[in-house]
Amino acid sequence: MANERIPPVDESQLRHATPKVDKGGEDSRDERPSAEAQVVSAEAARNEAEQLRRLAEETRALRDEHREAAEELRHEREHLREAAETARTASEDARLAAESARHAVVDSVRATAESLKTTLEQMTVVEEMRKTLRDIRDTKKGDSN
């Protein structure tokens, strides 16, 4: 795994190791690195692995922070959606109340108009009765003279 550490090399074993005997070939030195070079190479590999592990951990921490921020934004959006839904419901209720009030006003105006019409009819009847009474009175006055 990428997170596992490379086990450290015991440098004392490398120092006490018996050197290989060079059998005279020039290629043998060039092809095989010395024990000290291997220790340096192993240490460099360990350092690089440690840096990669730290970088991976920082990346995970940053990803977790982003995930938490995204979750917080989702919660905020949900809260705003709920508030918008509440406002929409209140608006619909207000619209229905206004519609009911409008119907009540229309009914009231119709009732008032009907009442005025009835009053006018009654006043017309009263006026006709007065006229008739005047005519009767005038007729009686003319007959008695």
C-alpha atoms as a PDB file:
ATOM      1  CA  MET A   1       0.000   0.000   0.000  1.00  0.00           C
ATOM      2  CA  ALA A   2       1.044   3.602  -0.506  1.00  0.00           C
ATOM      3  CA  ASN A   3       0.639   4.406   3.189  1.00  0.00           C
ATOM      4  CA  GLU A   4       2.933   1.646   4.460  1.00  0.00           C
ATOM      5  CA  ARG A   5       6.396   2.652   5.506  1.00  0.00           C
ATOM      6  CA  ILE A   6       9.495   1.060   4.122  1.00  0.00           C
ATOM      7  CA  PRO A   7      11.183  -0.693   7.038  1.00  0.00           C
ATOM      8  CA  PRO A   8      14.404   1.023   8.055  1.00  0.00           C
ATOM      9  CA  VAL A   9      17.672  -0.639   7.142  1.00  0.00           C
ATOM     10  CA  ASP A  10      19.936  -1.413  10.058  1.00  0.00           C
ATOM     11  CA  GLU A  11      23.049   0.555   9.153  1.00  0.00           C
ATOM     12  CA  SER A  12      25.237  -1.451  11.553  1.00  0.00           C
ATOM     13  CA  GLN A  13      24.625  -4.556   9.477  1.00  0.00           C
ATOM     14  CA  LEU A  14      25.678  -2.721   6.373  1.00  0.00           C
ATOM     15  CA  ARG A  15      28.904  -1.476   7.973  1.00  0.00           C
ATOM     16  CA  HIS A  16      29.894  -4.902   9.232  1.00  0.00           C
ATOM     17  CA  ALA A  17      28.983  -6.716   6.077  1.00  0.00           C
ATOM     18  CA  THR A  18      31.872  -8.317   4.307  1.00  0.00           C
ATOM     19  CA  PRO A  19      32.758  -6.506   1.182  1.00  0.00           C
ATOM     20  CA  LYS A  20      32.523  -8.471  -2.019  1.00  0.00           C
ATOM     21  CA  VAL A  21      35.737  -9.268  -3.622  1.00  0.00           C
ATOM     22  CA  ASP A  22      36.316  -7.596  -6.879  1.00  0.00           C
ATOM     23  CA  LYS A  23      37.344 -10.167  -9.406  1.00  0.00           C
ATOM     24  CA  GLY A  24      38.918  -7.725 -11.644  1.00  0.00           C
ATOM     25  CA  GLY A  25      36.011  -6.784 -13.857  1.00  0.00           C
ATOM     26  CA  GLU A  26      35.419  -3.120 -14.255  1.00  0.00           C
ATOM     27  CA  ASP A  27      31.727  -3.636 -14.840  1.00  0.00           C
ATOM     28  CA  SER A  28      31.123  -5.109 -11.393  1.00  0.00           C
ATOM     29  CA  ARG A  29      31.667  -1.746  -9.613  1.00  0.00           C
ATOM     30  CA  ASP A  30      29.614   0.236 -12.060  1.00  0.00           C
ATOM     31  CA  GLU A  31      26.675  -2.154 -12.101  1.00  0.00           C
ATOM     32  CA  ARG A  32      26.202  -2.665  -8.334  1.00  0.00           C
ATOM     33  CA  PRO A  33      25.856   0.294  -6.028  1.00  0.00           C
ATOM     34  CA  SER A  34      27.786   0.286  -2.788  1.00  0.00           C
ATOM     35  CA  ALA A  35      26.092  -0.421   0.537  1.00  0.00           C
ATOM     36  CA  GLU A  36      26.357   3.232   1.484  1.00  0.00           C
ATOM     37  CA  ALA A  37      24.630   4.263  -1.747  1.00  0.00           C
ATOM     38  CA  GLN A  38      21.886   1.735  -1.028  1.00  0.00           C
ATOM     39  CA  VAL A  39      21.401   3.192   2.477  1.00  0.00           C
ATOM     40  CA  VAL A  40      21.179   6.703   1.025  1.00  0.00           C
ATOM     41  CA  SER A  41      18.799   5.464  -1.653  1.00  0.00           C
ATOM     42  CA  ALA A  42      16.629   3.653   0.922  1.00  0.00           C
ATOM     43  CA  GLU A  43      16.599   6.724   3.166  1.00  0.00           C
ATOM     44  CA  ALA A  44      15.621   8.925   0.212  1.00  0.00           C
ATOM     45  CA  ALA A  45      12.843   6.469  -0.647  1.00  0.00           C
ATOM     46  CA  ARG A  46      11.638   6.540   2.987  1.00  0.00           C
ATOM     47  CA  ASN A  47      11.696  10.335   2.986  1.00  0.00           C
ATOM     48  CA  GLU A  48       9.781  10.447  -0.271  1.00  0.00           C
ATOM     49  CA  ALA A  49       7.268   7.896   1.018  1.00  0.00           C
ATOM     50  CA  GLU A  50       6.827   9.956   4.206  1.00  0.00           C
ATOM     51  CA  GLN A  51       6.300  13.116   2.150  1.00  0.00           C
ATOM     52  CA  LEU A  52       3.740  11.322   0.005  1.00  0.00           C
ATOM     53  CA  ARG A  53       1.996  10.007   3.133  1.00  0.00           C
ATOM     54  CA  ARG A  54       1.868  13.534   4.600  1.00  0.00           C
ATOM     55  CA  LEU A  55       0.598  14.935   1.287  1.00  0.00           C
ATOM     56  CA  ALA A  56      -2.077  12.221   1.132  1.00  0.00           C
ATOM     57  CA  GLU A  57      -3.118  13.008   4.701  1.00  0.00           C
ATOM     58  CA  GLU A  58      -3.300  16.736   3.968  1.00  0.00           C
ATOM     59  CA  THR A  59      -5.316  15.965   0.832  1.00  0.00           C
ATOM     60  CA  ARG A  60      -7.720  13.797   2.853  1.00  0.00           C
ATOM     61  CA  ALA A  61      -8.080  16.546   5.467  1.00  0.00           C
ATOM     62  CA  LEU A  62      -8.751  19.131   2.745  1.00  0.00           C
ATOM     63  CA  ARG A  63     -11.265  16.783   1.073  1.00  0.00           C
ATOM     64  CA  ASP A  64     -13.001  16.306   4.439  1.00  0.00           C
ATOM     65  CA  GLU A  65     -13.162  20.083   4.930  1.00  0.00           C
ATOM     66  CA  HIS A  66     -14.647  20.481   1.440  1.00  0.00           C
ATOM     67  CA  ARG A  67     -17.140  17.707   2.137  1.00  0.00           C
ATOM     68  CA  GLU A  68     -18.184  19.389   5.407  1.00  0.00           C
ATOM     69  CA  ALA A  69     -18.504  22.763   3.641  1.00  0.00           C
ATOM     70  CA  ALA A  70     -20.596  21.163   0.872  1.00  0.00           C
ATOM     71  CA  GLU A  71     -22.798  19.479   3.490  1.00  0.00           C
ATOM     72  CA  GLU A  72     -23.238  22.805   5.271  1.00  0.00           C
ATOM     73  CA  LEU A  73     -24.248  24.407   1.958  1.00  0.00           C
ATOM     74  CA  ARG A  74     -26.731  21.583   1.341  1.00  0.00           C
ATOM     75  CA  HIS A  75     -28.253  22.152   4.777  1.00  0.00           C
ATOM     76  CA  GLU A  76     -28.461  25.899   4.124  1.00  0.00           C
ATOM     77  CA  ARG A  77     -30.115  25.300   0.729  1.00  0.00           C
ATOM     78  CA  GLU A  78     -32.598  22.931   2.379  1.00  0.00           C
ATOM     79  CA  HIS A  79     -33.338  25.552   5.030  1.00  0.00           C
ATOM     80  CA  LEU A  80     -33.873  28.198   2.328  1.00  0.00           C
ATOM     81  CA  ARG A  81     -36.088  25.796   0.355  1.00  0.00           C
ATOM     82  CA  GLU A  82     -38.201  25.167   3.450  1.00  0.00           C
ATOM     83  CA  ALA A  83     -38.448  28.927   4.087  1.00  0.00           C
ATOM     84  CA  ALA A  84     -39.478  29.505   0.461  1.00  0.00           C
ATOM     85  CA  GLU A  85     -42.091  26.754   0.742  1.00  0.00           C
ATOM     86  CA  THR A  86     -43.438  28.327   3.946  1.00  0.00           C
ATOM     87  CA  ALA A  87     -43.578  31.737   2.237  1.00  0.00           C
ATOM     88  CA  ARG A  88     -45.332  30.198  -0.780  1.00  0.00           C
ATOM     89  CA  THR A  89     -47.898  28.533   1.481  1.00  0.00           C
ATOM     90  CA  ALA A  90     -48.483  31.787   3.371  1.00  0.00           C
ATOM     91  CA  SER A  91     -48.853  33.634   0.063  1.00  0.00           C
ATOM     92  CA  GLU A  92     -51.384  31.078  -1.166  1.00  0.00           C
ATOM     93  CA  ASP A  93     -53.321  31.359   2.111  1.00  0.00           C
ATOM     94  CA  ALA A  94     -53.314  35.164   1.809  1.00  0.00           C
ATOM     95  CA  ARG A  95     -54.498  34.911  -1.800  1.00  0.00           C
ATOM     96  CA  LEU A  96     -57.362  32.632  -0.770  1.00  0.00           C
ATOM     97  CA  ALA A  97     -58.293  34.996   2.086  1.00  0.00           C
ATOM     98  CA  ALA A  98     -58.256  37.961  -0.307  1.00  0.00           C
ATOM     99  CA  GLU A  99     -60.418  36.030  -2.756  1.00  0.00           C
ATOM    100  CA  SER A 100     -62.891  35.224   0.027  1.00  0.00           C
ATOM    101  CA  ALA A 101     -62.905  38.876   1.124  1.00  0.00           C
ATOM    102  CA  ARG A 102     -63.523  39.951  -2.477  1.00  0.00           C
ATOM    103  CA  HIS A 103     -66.490  37.584  -2.708  1.00  0.00           C
ATOM    104  CA  ALA A 104     -67.809  38.954   0.598  1.00  0.00           C
ATOM    105  CA  VAL A 105     -67.510  42.538  -0.697  1.00  0.00           C
ATOM    106  CA  VAL A 106     -69.281  41.608  -3.946  1.00  0.00           C
ATOM    107  CA  ASP A 107     -72.076  39.924  -1.963  1.00  0.00           C
ATOM    108  CA  SER A 108     -72.304  42.957   0.311  1.00  0.00           C
ATOM    109  CA  VAL A 109     -72.528  45.344  -2.650  1.00  0.00           C
ATOM    110  CA  ARG A 110     -75.225  43.164  -4.240  1.00  0.00           C
ATOM    111  CA  ALA A 111     -77.180  43.105  -0.973  1.00  0.00           C
ATOM    112  CA  THR A 112     -76.857  46.894  -0.689  1.00  0.00           C
ATOM    113  CA  ALA A 113     -78.003  47.321  -4.294  1.00  0.00           C
ATOM    114  CA  GLU A 114     -80.966  45.028  -3.677  1.00  0.00           C
ATOM    115  CA  SER A 115     -81.842  46.953  -0.522  1.00  0.00           C
ATOM    116  CA  LEU A 116     -81.647  50.266  -2.392  1.00  0.00           C
ATOM    117  CA  LYS A 117     -83.790  48.881  -5.189  1.00  0.00           C
ATOM    118  CA  THR A 118     -86.418  47.734  -2.677  1.00  0.00           C
ATOM    119  CA  THR A 119     -86.314  51.124  -0.953  1.00  0.00           C
ATOM    120  CA  LEU A 120     -86.755  52.866  -4.310  1.00  0.00           C
ATOM    121  CA  GLU A 121     -89.715  50.672  -5.148  1.00  0.00           C
ATOM    122  CA  GLN A 122     -91.259  51.434  -1.762  1.00  0.00           C
ATOM    123  CA  MET A 123     -90.666  55.144  -2.220  1.00  0.00           C
ATOM    124  CA  THR A 124     -92.276  54.956  -5.671  1.00  0.00           C
ATOM    125  CA  VAL A 125     -95.327  53.232  -4.177  1.00  0.00           C
ATOM    126  CA  VAL A 126     -95.534  55.863  -1.410  1.00  0.00           C
ATOM    127  CA  GLU A 127     -95.260  58.656  -3.980  1.00  0.00           C
ATOM    128  CA  GLU A 128     -98.024  57.087  -6.075  1.00  0.00           C
ATOM    129  CA  MET A 129    -100.199  56.757  -2.966  1.00  0.00           C
ATOM    130  CA  ARG A 130     -99.651  60.449  -2.155  1.00  0.00           C
ATOM    131  CA  LYS A 131    -100.544  61.397  -5.682  1.00  0.00           C
ATOM    132  CA  THR A 132    -103.664  59.284  -5.525  1.00  0.00           C
ATOM    133  CA  LEU A 133    -104.646  60.798  -2.184  1.00  0.00           C
ATOM    134  CA  ARG A 134    -104.103  64.307  -3.564  1.00  0.00           C
ATOM    135  CA  ASP A 135    -106.214  63.487  -6.569  1.00  0.00           C
ATOM    136  CA  ILE A 136    -108.941  62.126  -4.292  1.00  0.00           C
ATOM    137  CA  ARG A 137    -108.791  65.207  -2.083  1.00  0.00           C
ATOM    138  CA  ASP A 138    -108.845  67.521  -5.082  1.00  0.00           C
ATOM    139  CA  THR A 139    -111.784  65.609  -6.509  1.00  0.00           C
ATOM    140  CA  LYS A 140    -113.713  65.896  -3.236  1.00  0.00           C
ATOM    141  CA  LYS A 141    -112.999  69.598  -3.046  1.00  0.00           C
ATOM    142  CA  GLY A 142    -114.233  70.085  -6.602  1.00  0.00           C
ATOM    143  CA  ASP A 143    -117.422  68.062  -5.943  1.00  0.00           C
ATOM    144  CA  SER A 144    -118.278  69.900  -2.788  1.00  0.00           C
ATOM    145  CA  ASN A 145    -117.987  73.315  -4.407  1.00  0.00           C
END
